[in-house]
PDB file of all heavy atoms in Angstrom:
ATOM      1  N   ARG A   1       0.800  -1.213   0.000  1.00  0.00           N
ATOM      2  CA  ARG A   1       0.000   0.000   0.000  1.00  0.00           C
ATOM      3  C   ARG A   1       0.844   1.279   0.000  1.00  0.00           C
ATOM      4  O   ARG A   1       0.292   2.360  -0.191  1.00  0.00           O
ATOM      5  CB  ARG A   1      -0.944  -0.004   1.195  1.00  0.00           C
ATOM      6  CG  ARG A   1      -2.063  -1.037   1.078  1.00  0.00           C
ATOM      7  CD  ARG A   1      -2.851  -1.149   2.356  1.00  0.00           C
ATOM      8  NE  ARG A   1      -4.081  -1.913   2.165  1.00  0.00           N
ATOM      9  CZ  ARG A   1      -4.877  -2.295   3.151  1.00  0.00           C
ATOM     10  NH1 ARG A   1      -4.576  -1.977   4.406  1.00  0.00           N
ATOM     11  NH2 ARG A   1      -5.966  -2.977   2.911  1.00  0.00           N
ATOM     12  N   THR A   2       2.117   1.159   0.253  1.00  0.00           N
ATOM     13  CA  THR A   2       2.985   2.335   0.215  1.00  0.00           C
ATOM     14  C   THR A   2       4.273   1.998  -0.525  1.00  0.00           C
ATOM     15  O   THR A   2       4.776   0.875  -0.457  1.00  0.00           O
ATOM     16  CB  THR A   2       3.355   2.826   1.628  1.00  0.00           C
ATOM     17  OG1 THR A   2       4.018   1.771   2.347  1.00  0.00           O
ATOM     18  CG2 THR A   2       2.133   3.284   2.397  1.00  0.00           C
ATOM     19  N   GLY A   3       4.791   2.982  -1.215  1.00  0.00           N
ATOM     20  CA  GLY A   3       6.090   2.852  -1.865  1.00  0.00           C
ATOM     21  C   GLY A   3       6.861   4.136  -1.678  1.00  0.00           C
ATOM     22  O   GLY A   3       6.290   5.236  -1.723  1.00  0.00           O
ATOM     23  N   ALA A   4       8.152   4.027  -1.436  1.00  0.00           N
ATOM     24  CA  ALA A   4       9.000   5.205  -1.261  1.00  0.00           C
ATOM     25  C   ALA A   4      10.202   5.083  -2.188  1.00  0.00           C
ATOM     26  O   ALA A   4      10.798   4.013  -2.306  1.00  0.00           O
ATOM     27  CB  ALA A   4       9.457   5.348   0.188  1.00  0.00           C
ATOM     28  N   ALA A   5      10.533   6.180  -2.829  1.00  0.00           N
ATOM     29  CA  ALA A   5      11.739   6.233  -3.648  1.00  0.00           C
ATOM     30  C   ALA A   5      12.580   7.403  -3.157  1.00  0.00           C
ATOM     31  O   ALA A   5      12.048   8.439  -2.750  1.00  0.00           O
ATOM     32  CB  ALA A   5      11.388   6.411  -5.124  1.00  0.00           C
ATOM     33  N   ILE A   6      13.887   7.218  -3.178  1.00  0.00           N
ATOM     34  CA  ILE A   6      14.813   8.231  -2.688  1.00  0.00           C
ATOM     35  C   ILE A   6      15.756   8.608  -3.807  1.00  0.00           C
ATOM     36  O   ILE A   6      16.355   7.738  -4.444  1.00  0.00           O
ATOM     37  CB  ILE A   6      15.623   7.715  -1.477  1.00  0.00           C
ATOM     38  CG1 ILE A   6      14.683   7.189  -0.386  1.00  0.00           C
ATOM     39  CG2 ILE A   6      16.521   8.812  -0.925  1.00  0.00           C
ATOM     40  CD1 ILE A   6      14.496   5.694  -0.397  1.00  0.00           C
ATOM     41  N   LEU A   7      15.871   9.912  -4.078  1.00  0.00           N
ATOM     42  CA  LEU A   7      16.690  10.394  -5.178  1.00  0.00           C
ATOM     43  C   LEU A   7      17.573  11.533  -4.693  1.00  0.00           C
ATOM     44  O   LEU A   7      17.103  12.451  -4.020  1.00  0.00           O
ATOM     45  CB  LEU A   7      15.803  10.865  -6.326  1.00  0.00           C
ATOM     46  CG  LEU A   7      16.485  11.400  -7.586  1.00  0.00           C
ATOM     47  CD1 LEU A   7      15.679  11.020  -8.818  1.00  0.00           C
ATOM     48  CD2 LEU A   7      16.646  12.914  -7.535  1.00  0.00           C
ATOM     49  N   ARG A   8      18.842  11.472  -5.054  1.00  0.00           N
ATOM     50  CA  ARG A   8      19.766  12.553  -4.720  1.00  0.00           C
ATOM     51  C   ARG A   8      19.940  13.438  -5.955  1.00  0.00           C
ATOM     52  O   ARG A   8      20.380  12.979  -7.004  1.00  0.00           O
ATOM     53  CB  ARG A   8      21.110  11.990  -4.275  1.00  0.00           C
ATOM     54  CG  ARG A   8      22.084  13.063  -3.801  1.00  0.00           C
ATOM     55  CD  ARG A   8      23.266  12.452  -3.076  1.00  0.00           C
ATOM     56  NE  ARG A   8      24.122  13.474  -2.478  1.00  0.00           N
ATOM     57  CZ  ARG A   8      25.018  13.212  -1.525  1.00  0.00           C
ATOM     58  NH1 ARG A   8      25.158  11.972  -1.073  1.00  0.00           N
ATOM     59  NH2 ARG A   8      25.755  14.180  -1.029  1.00  0.00           N
ATOM     60  N   TYR A   9      19.554  14.695  -5.806  1.00  0.00           N
ATOM     61  CA  TYR A   9      19.682  15.651  -6.898  1.00  0.00           C
ATOM     62  C   TYR A   9      20.381  16.898  -6.378  1.00  0.00           C
ATOM     63  O   TYR A   9      19.947  17.500  -5.384  1.00  0.00           O
ATOM     64  CB  TYR A   9      18.311  16.018  -7.461  1.00  0.00           C
ATOM     65  CG  TYR A   9      18.322  17.200  -8.406  1.00  0.00           C
ATOM     66  CD1 TYR A   9      19.000  17.129  -9.622  1.00  0.00           C
ATOM     67  CD2 TYR A   9      17.675  18.393  -8.081  1.00  0.00           C
ATOM     68  CE1 TYR A   9      19.024  18.212 -10.484  1.00  0.00           C
ATOM     69  CE2 TYR A   9      17.685  19.476  -8.941  1.00  0.00           C
ATOM     70  CZ  TYR A   9      18.368  19.381 -10.147  1.00  0.00           C
ATOM     71  OH  TYR A   9      18.399  20.452 -10.999  1.00  0.00           O
ATOM     72  N   ALA A  10      21.473  17.260  -7.048  1.00  0.00           N
ATOM     73  CA  ALA A  10      22.259  18.430  -6.648  1.00  0.00           C
ATOM     74  C   ALA A  10      22.643  18.299  -5.182  1.00  0.00           C
ATOM     75  O   ALA A  10      23.315  17.341  -4.810  1.00  0.00           O
ATOM     76  CB  ALA A  10      21.486  19.704  -6.945  1.00  0.00           C
ATOM     77  N   ASP A  11      22.194  19.202  -4.320  1.00  0.00           N
ATOM     78  CA  ASP A  11      22.643  19.172  -2.924  1.00  0.00           C
ATOM     79  C   ASP A  11      21.554  18.741  -1.955  1.00  0.00           C
ATOM     80  O   ASP A  11      21.618  19.037  -0.762  1.00  0.00           O
ATOM     81  CB  ASP A  11      23.176  20.548  -2.507  1.00  0.00           C
ATOM     82  CG  ASP A  11      22.126  21.645  -2.668  1.00  0.00           C
ATOM     83  OD1 ASP A  11      21.034  21.349  -3.183  1.00  0.00           O
ATOM     84  OD2 ASP A  11      22.410  22.790  -2.261  1.00  0.00           O
ATOM     85  N   GLU A  12      20.529  18.020  -2.466  1.00  0.00           N
ATOM     86  CA  GLU A  12      19.460  17.555  -1.583  1.00  0.00           C
ATOM     87  C   GLU A  12      19.118  16.097  -1.856  1.00  0.00           C
ATOM     88  O   GLU A  12      19.388  15.561  -2.933  1.00  0.00           O
ATOM     89  CB  GLU A  12      18.204  18.413  -1.754  1.00  0.00           C
ATOM     90  CG  GLU A  12      18.326  19.821  -1.208  1.00  0.00           C
ATOM     91  CD  GLU A  12      16.998  20.549  -1.218  1.00  0.00           C
ATOM     92  OE1 GLU A  12      16.685  21.168  -2.247  1.00  0.00           O
ATOM     93  OE2 GLU A  12      16.269  20.481  -0.207  1.00  0.00           O
ATOM     94  N   LEU A  13      18.494  15.465  -0.848  1.00  0.00           N
ATOM     95  CA  LEU A  13      17.977  14.115  -0.961  1.00  0.00           C
ATOM     96  C   LEU A  13      16.454  14.227  -0.943  1.00  0.00           C
ATOM     97  O   LEU A  13      15.873  14.784   0.001  1.00  0.00           O
ATOM     98  CB  LEU A  13      18.466  13.253   0.210  1.00  0.00           C
ATOM     99  CG  LEU A  13      18.597  11.748  -0.038  1.00  0.00           C
ATOM    100  CD1 LEU A  13      19.665  11.476  -1.085  1.00  0.00           C
ATOM    101  CD2 LEU A  13      18.928  11.016   1.257  1.00  0.00           C
ATOM    102  N   PHE A  14      15.803  13.710  -1.992  1.00  0.00           N
ATOM    103  CA  PHE A  14      14.352  13.825  -2.134  1.00  0.00           C
ATOM    104  C   PHE A  14      13.702  12.458  -1.933  1.00  0.00           C
ATOM    105  O   PHE A  14      14.126  11.464  -2.549  1.00  0.00           O
ATOM    106  CB  PHE A  14      13.990  14.373  -3.514  1.00  0.00           C
ATOM    107  CG  PHE A  14      14.457  15.777  -3.758  1.00  0.00           C
ATOM    108  CD1 PHE A  14      15.728  16.030  -4.273  1.00  0.00           C
ATOM    109  CD2 PHE A  14      13.639  16.856  -3.466  1.00  0.00           C
ATOM    110  CE1 PHE A  14      16.169  17.322  -4.498  1.00  0.00           C
ATOM    111  CE2 PHE A  14      14.074  18.160  -3.694  1.00  0.00           C
ATOM    112  CZ  PHE A  14      15.335  18.398  -4.204  1.00  0.00           C
ATOM    113  N   PHE A  15      12.676  12.401  -1.085  1.00  0.00           N
ATOM    114  CA  PHE A  15      11.894  11.190  -0.846  1.00  0.00           C
ATOM    115  C   PHE A  15      10.526  11.383  -1.490  1.00  0.00           C
ATOM    116  O   PHE A  15       9.805  12.328  -1.156  1.00  0.00           O
ATOM    117  CB  PHE A  15      11.706  10.942   0.651  1.00  0.00           C
ATOM    118  CG  PHE A  15      12.961  10.643   1.417  1.00  0.00           C
ATOM    119  CD1 PHE A  15      13.861  11.643   1.720  1.00  0.00           C
ATOM    120  CD2 PHE A  15      13.236   9.350   1.861  1.00  0.00           C
ATOM    121  CE1 PHE A  15      15.020  11.383   2.439  1.00  0.00           C
ATOM    122  CE2 PHE A  15      14.388   9.086   2.577  1.00  0.00           C
ATOM    123  CZ  PHE A  15      15.279  10.094   2.870  1.00  0.00           C
ATOM    124  N   GLY A  16      10.153  10.491  -2.403  1.00  0.00           N
ATOM    125  CA  GLY A  16       8.823  10.518  -2.987  1.00  0.00           C
ATOM    126  C   GLY A  16       8.020   9.341  -2.472  1.00  0.00           C
ATOM    127  O   GLY A  16       8.492   8.199  -2.497  1.00  0.00           O
ATOM    128  N   ILE A  17       6.805   9.580  -1.985  1.00  0.00           N
ATOM    129  CA  ILE A  17       5.989   8.534  -1.352  1.00  0.00           C
ATOM    130  C   ILE A  17       4.646   8.446  -2.051  1.00  0.00           C
ATOM    131  O   ILE A  17       3.883   9.422  -2.097  1.00  0.00           O
ATOM    132  CB  ILE A  17       5.779   8.824   0.145  1.00  0.00           C
ATOM    133  CG1 ILE A  17       7.129   8.909   0.852  1.00  0.00           C
ATOM    134  CG2 ILE A  17       4.894   7.761   0.784  1.00  0.00           C
ATOM    135  CD1 ILE A  17       7.073   9.551   2.206  1.00  0.00           C
ATOM    136  N   LEU A  18       4.355   7.294  -2.643  1.00  0.00           N
ATOM    137  CA  LEU A  18       3.062   7.024  -3.260  1.00  0.00           C
ATOM    138  C   LEU A  18       2.336   6.005  -2.396  1.00  0.00           C
ATOM    139  O   LEU A  18       2.925   5.002  -1.984  1.00  0.00           O
ATOM    140  CB  LEU A  18       3.232   6.492  -4.678  1.00  0.00           C
ATOM    141  CG  LEU A  18       1.954   6.386  -5.515  1.00  0.00           C
ATOM    142  CD1 LEU A  18       1.436   7.781  -5.888  1.00  0.00           C
ATOM    143  CD2 LEU A  18       2.195   5.570  -6.782  1.00  0.00           C
ATOM    144  N   ALA A  19       1.074   6.274  -2.101  1.00  0.00           N
ATOM    145  CA  ALA A  19       0.315   5.386  -1.225  1.00  0.00           C
ATOM    146  C   ALA A  19      -1.098   5.225  -1.738  1.00  0.00           C
ATOM    147  O   ALA A  19      -1.603   6.055  -2.508  1.00  0.00           O
ATOM    148  CB  ALA A  19       0.292   5.942   0.206  1.00  0.00           C
ATOM    149  N   ASP A  20      -1.740   4.136  -1.317  1.00  0.00           N
ATOM    150  CA  ASP A  20      -3.148   3.951  -1.624  1.00  0.00           C
ATOM    151  C   ASP A  20      -3.956   4.984  -0.838  1.00  0.00           C
ATOM    152  O   ASP A  20      -3.762   5.157   0.359  1.00  0.00           O
ATOM    153  CB  ASP A  20      -3.584   2.532  -1.259  1.00  0.00           C
ATOM    154  CG  ASP A  20      -5.026   2.275  -1.619  1.00  0.00           C
ATOM    155  OD1 ASP A  20      -5.320   1.995  -2.789  1.00  0.00           O
ATOM    156  OD2 ASP A  20      -5.872   2.369  -0.711  1.00  0.00           O
ATOM    157  N   TYR A  21      -4.865   5.662  -1.506  1.00  0.00           N
ATOM    158  CA  TYR A  21      -5.562   6.803  -0.905  1.00  0.00           C
ATOM    159  C   TYR A  21      -6.409   6.390   0.296  1.00  0.00           C
ATOM    160  O   TYR A  21      -6.381   7.034   1.347  1.00  0.00           O
ATOM    161  CB  TYR A  21      -6.443   7.479  -1.957  1.00  0.00           C
ATOM    162  CG  TYR A  21      -7.122   8.745  -1.473  1.00  0.00           C
ATOM    163  CD1 TYR A  21      -6.470   9.971  -1.577  1.00  0.00           C
ATOM    164  CD2 TYR A  21      -8.405   8.708  -0.929  1.00  0.00           C
ATOM    165  CE1 TYR A  21      -7.080  11.141  -1.132  1.00  0.00           C
ATOM    166  CE2 TYR A  21      -9.016   9.867  -0.487  1.00  0.00           C
ATOM    167  CZ  TYR A  21      -8.352  11.076  -0.588  1.00  0.00           C
ATOM    168  OH  TYR A  21      -8.964  12.227  -0.140  1.00  0.00           O
ATOM    169  N   ASP A  22      -7.174   5.299   0.157  1.00  0.00           N
ATOM    170  CA  ASP A  22      -8.099   4.912   1.211  1.00  0.00           C
ATOM    171  C   ASP A  22      -7.440   4.061   2.296  1.00  0.00           C
ATOM    172  O   ASP A  22      -7.837   4.123   3.460  1.00  0.00           O
ATOM    173  CB  ASP A  22      -9.276   4.128   0.620  1.00  0.00           C
ATOM    174  CG  ASP A  22     -10.145   5.004  -0.263  1.00  0.00           C
ATOM    175  OD1 ASP A  22     -10.162   6.226  -0.035  1.00  0.00           O
ATOM    176  OD2 ASP A  22     -10.793   4.466  -1.179  1.00  0.00           O
ATOM    177  N   ALA A  23      -6.458   3.277   1.915  1.00  0.00           N
ATOM    178  CA  ALA A  23      -5.895   2.320   2.867  1.00  0.00           C
ATOM    179  C   ALA A  23      -4.833   2.926   3.768  1.00  0.00           C
ATOM    180  O   ALA A  23      -4.621   2.464   4.891  1.00  0.00           O
ATOM    181  CB  ALA A  23      -5.311   1.126   2.117  1.00  0.00           C
ATOM    182  N   VAL A  24      -4.132   3.924   3.315  1.00  0.00           N
ATOM    183  CA  VAL A  24      -3.021   4.494   4.088  1.00  0.00           C
ATOM    184  C   VAL A  24      -3.310   5.965   4.361  1.00  0.00           C
ATOM    185  O   VAL A  24      -3.045   6.826   3.530  1.00  0.00           O
ATOM    186  CB  VAL A  24      -1.681   4.336   3.345  1.00  0.00           C
ATOM    187  CG1 VAL A  24      -0.545   4.901   4.188  1.00  0.00           C
ATOM    188  CG2 VAL A  24      -1.423   2.873   3.019  1.00  0.00           C
ATOM    189  N   ALA A  25      -3.859   6.235   5.531  1.00  0.00           N
ATOM    190  CA  ALA A  25      -4.105   7.625   5.928  1.00  0.00           C
ATOM    191  C   ALA A  25      -2.804   8.229   6.455  1.00  0.00           C
ATOM    192  O   ALA A  25      -1.973   7.559   7.045  1.00  0.00           O
ATOM    193  CB  ALA A  25      -5.187   7.669   7.000  1.00  0.00           C
ATOM    194  N   GLY A  26      -2.637   9.508   6.219  1.00  0.00           N
ATOM    195  CA  GLY A  26      -1.482  10.197   6.775  1.00  0.00           C
ATOM    196  C   GLY A  26      -0.192   9.957   6.037  1.00  0.00           C
ATOM    197  O   GLY A  26       0.865   9.809   6.659  1.00  0.00           O
ATOM    198  N   ALA A  27      -0.247   9.912   4.700  1.00  0.00           N
ATOM    199  CA  ALA A  27       0.997   9.751   3.949  1.00  0.00           C
ATOM    200  C   ALA A  27       1.926  10.935   4.187  1.00  0.00           C
ATOM    201  O   ALA A  27       3.147  10.779   4.247  1.00  0.00           O
ATOM    202  CB  ALA A  27       0.698   9.591   2.462  1.00  0.00           C
ATOM    203  N   ASP A  28       1.343  12.120   4.333  1.00  0.00           N
ATOM    204  CA  ASP A  28       2.174  13.288   4.618  1.00  0.00           C
ATOM    205  C   ASP A  28       2.850  13.147   5.977  1.00  0.00           C
ATOM    206  O   ASP A  28       3.970  13.636   6.178  1.00  0.00           O
ATOM    207  CB  ASP A  28       1.325  14.558   4.575  1.00  0.00           C
ATOM    208  CG  ASP A  28       2.166  15.812   4.653  1.00  0.00           C
ATOM    209  OD1 ASP A  28       2.953  16.048   3.715  1.00  0.00           O
ATOM    210  OD2 ASP A  28       2.053  16.548   5.650  1.00  0.00           O
ATOM    211  N   GLU A  29       2.182  12.483   6.896  1.00  0.00           N
ATOM    212  CA  GLU A  29       2.777  12.205   8.202  1.00  0.00           C
ATOM    213  C   GLU A  29       4.029  11.344   8.051  1.00  0.00           C
ATOM    214  O   GLU A  29       5.021  11.533   8.761  1.00  0.00           O
ATOM    215  CB  GLU A  29       1.743  11.495   9.077  1.00  0.00           C
ATOM    216  CG  GLU A  29       2.206  11.159  10.486  1.00  0.00           C
ATOM    217  CD  GLU A  29       1.160  10.385  11.265  1.00  0.00           C
ATOM    218  OE1 GLU A  29       0.104  10.058  10.688  1.00  0.00           O
ATOM    219  OE2 GLU A  29       1.404  10.114  12.446  1.00  0.00           O
ATOM    220  N   LEU A  30       3.989  10.414   7.105  1.00  0.00           N
ATOM    221  CA  LEU A  30       5.155   9.584   6.842  1.00  0.00           C
ATOM    222  C   LEU A  30       6.315  10.421   6.320  1.00  0.00           C
ATOM    223  O   LEU A  30       7.469  10.239   6.741  1.00  0.00           O
ATOM    224  CB  LEU A  30       4.789   8.488   5.832  1.00  0.00           C
ATOM    225  CG  LEU A  30       5.886   7.511   5.410  1.00  0.00           C
ATOM    226  CD1 LEU A  30       6.430   6.756   6.615  1.00  0.00           C
ATOM    227  CD2 LEU A  30       5.351   6.530   4.373  1.00  0.00           C
ATOM    228  N   ALA A  31       6.025  11.378   5.451  1.00  0.00           N
ATOM    229  CA  ALA A  31       7.070  12.239   4.903  1.00  0.00           C
ATOM    230  C   ALA A  31       7.696  13.114   5.977  1.00  0.00           C
ATOM    231  O   ALA A  31       8.923  13.257   6.067  1.00  0.00           O
ATOM    232  CB  ALA A  31       6.504  13.098   3.777  1.00  0.00           C
ATOM    233  N   ARG A  32       6.834  13.736   6.802  1.00  0.00           N
ATOM    234  CA  ARG A  32       7.373  14.604   7.859  1.00  0.00           C
ATOM    235  C   ARG A  32       8.167  13.774   8.878  1.00  0.00           C
ATOM    236  O   ARG A  32       9.147  14.258   9.453  1.00  0.00           O
ATOM    237  CB  ARG A  32       6.229  15.325   8.569  1.00  0.00           C
ATOM    238  CG  ARG A  32       5.322  16.177   7.665  1.00  0.00           C
ATOM    239  CD  ARG A  32       6.012  17.417   7.126  1.00  0.00           C
ATOM    240  NE  ARG A  32       6.958  17.139   6.056  1.00  0.00           N
ATOM    241  CZ  ARG A  32       6.615  16.900   4.795  1.00  0.00           C
ATOM    242  NH1 ARG A  32       5.353  16.832   4.437  1.00  0.00           N
ATOM    243  NH2 ARG A  32       7.542  16.702   3.877  1.00  0.00           N
ATOM    244  N   GLY A  33       7.761  12.543   9.092  1.00  0.00           N
ATOM    245  CA  GLY A  33       8.499  11.677  10.008  1.00  0.00           C
ATOM    246  C   GLY A  33       9.887  11.348   9.494  1.00  0.00           C
ATOM    247  O   GLY A  33      10.835  11.200  10.270  1.00  0.00           O
ATOM    248  N   ILE A  34      10.026  11.213   8.176  1.00  0.00           N
ATOM    249  CA  ILE A  34      11.335  10.950   7.583  1.00  0.00           C
ATOM    250  C   ILE A  34      12.272  12.127   7.831  1.00  0.00           C
ATOM    251  O   ILE A  34      13.433  11.958   8.223  1.00  0.00           O
ATOM    252  CB  ILE A  34      11.177  10.671   6.077  1.00  0.00           C
ATOM    253  CG1 ILE A  34      10.492   9.319   5.858  1.00  0.00           C
ATOM    254  CG2 ILE A  34      12.533  10.713   5.366  1.00  0.00           C
ATOM    255  CD1 ILE A  34      10.113   9.048   4.417  1.00  0.00           C
ATOM    256  N   GLU A  35      11.769  13.340   7.615  1.00  0.00           N
ATOM    257  CA  GLU A  35      12.590  14.525   7.860  1.00  0.00           C
ATOM    258  C   GLU A  35      13.008  14.621   9.317  1.00  0.00           C
ATOM    259  O   GLU A  35      14.167  14.952   9.630  1.00  0.00           O
ATOM    260  CB  GLU A  35      11.810  15.771   7.434  1.00  0.00           C
ATOM    261  CG  GLU A  35      11.564  15.844   5.927  1.00  0.00           C
ATOM    262  CD  GLU A  35      10.628  16.959   5.526  1.00  0.00           C
ATOM    263  OE1 GLU A  35       9.896  17.465   6.402  1.00  0.00           O
ATOM    264  OE2 GLU A  35      10.609  17.327   4.332  1.00  0.00           O
ATOM    265  N   ALA A  36      12.074  14.313  10.232  1.00  0.00           N
ATOM    266  CA  ALA A  36      12.394  14.370  11.657  1.00  0.00           C
ATOM    267  C   ALA A  36      13.413  13.302  12.038  1.00  0.00           C
ATOM    268  O   ALA A  36      14.297  13.538  12.878  1.00  0.00           O
ATOM    269  CB  ALA A  36      11.115  14.200  12.484  1.00  0.00           C
ATOM    270  N   ALA A  37      13.312  12.127  11.408  1.00  0.00           N
ATOM    271  CA  ALA A  37      14.244  11.044  11.723  1.00  0.00           C
ATOM    272  C   ALA A  37      15.663  11.394  11.294  1.00  0.00           C
ATOM    273  O   ALA A  37      16.632  11.106  12.010  1.00  0.00           O
ATOM    274  CB  ALA A  37      13.785   9.753  11.048  1.00  0.00           C
TER     275      ALA A  37
END
C-alpha cells in the first residue's frame, strides 16, 4: 500500500511517497516523520 523512492539531486535528498488513498491515511505524516528522523 505504500512505496517510497529516494533520489539525490544536486545538494538535496528527495523522498517521494506514493500510497493507496483509502488504505493508508497520513501519507504526509510519513514524509514529515522521515525529515524528523
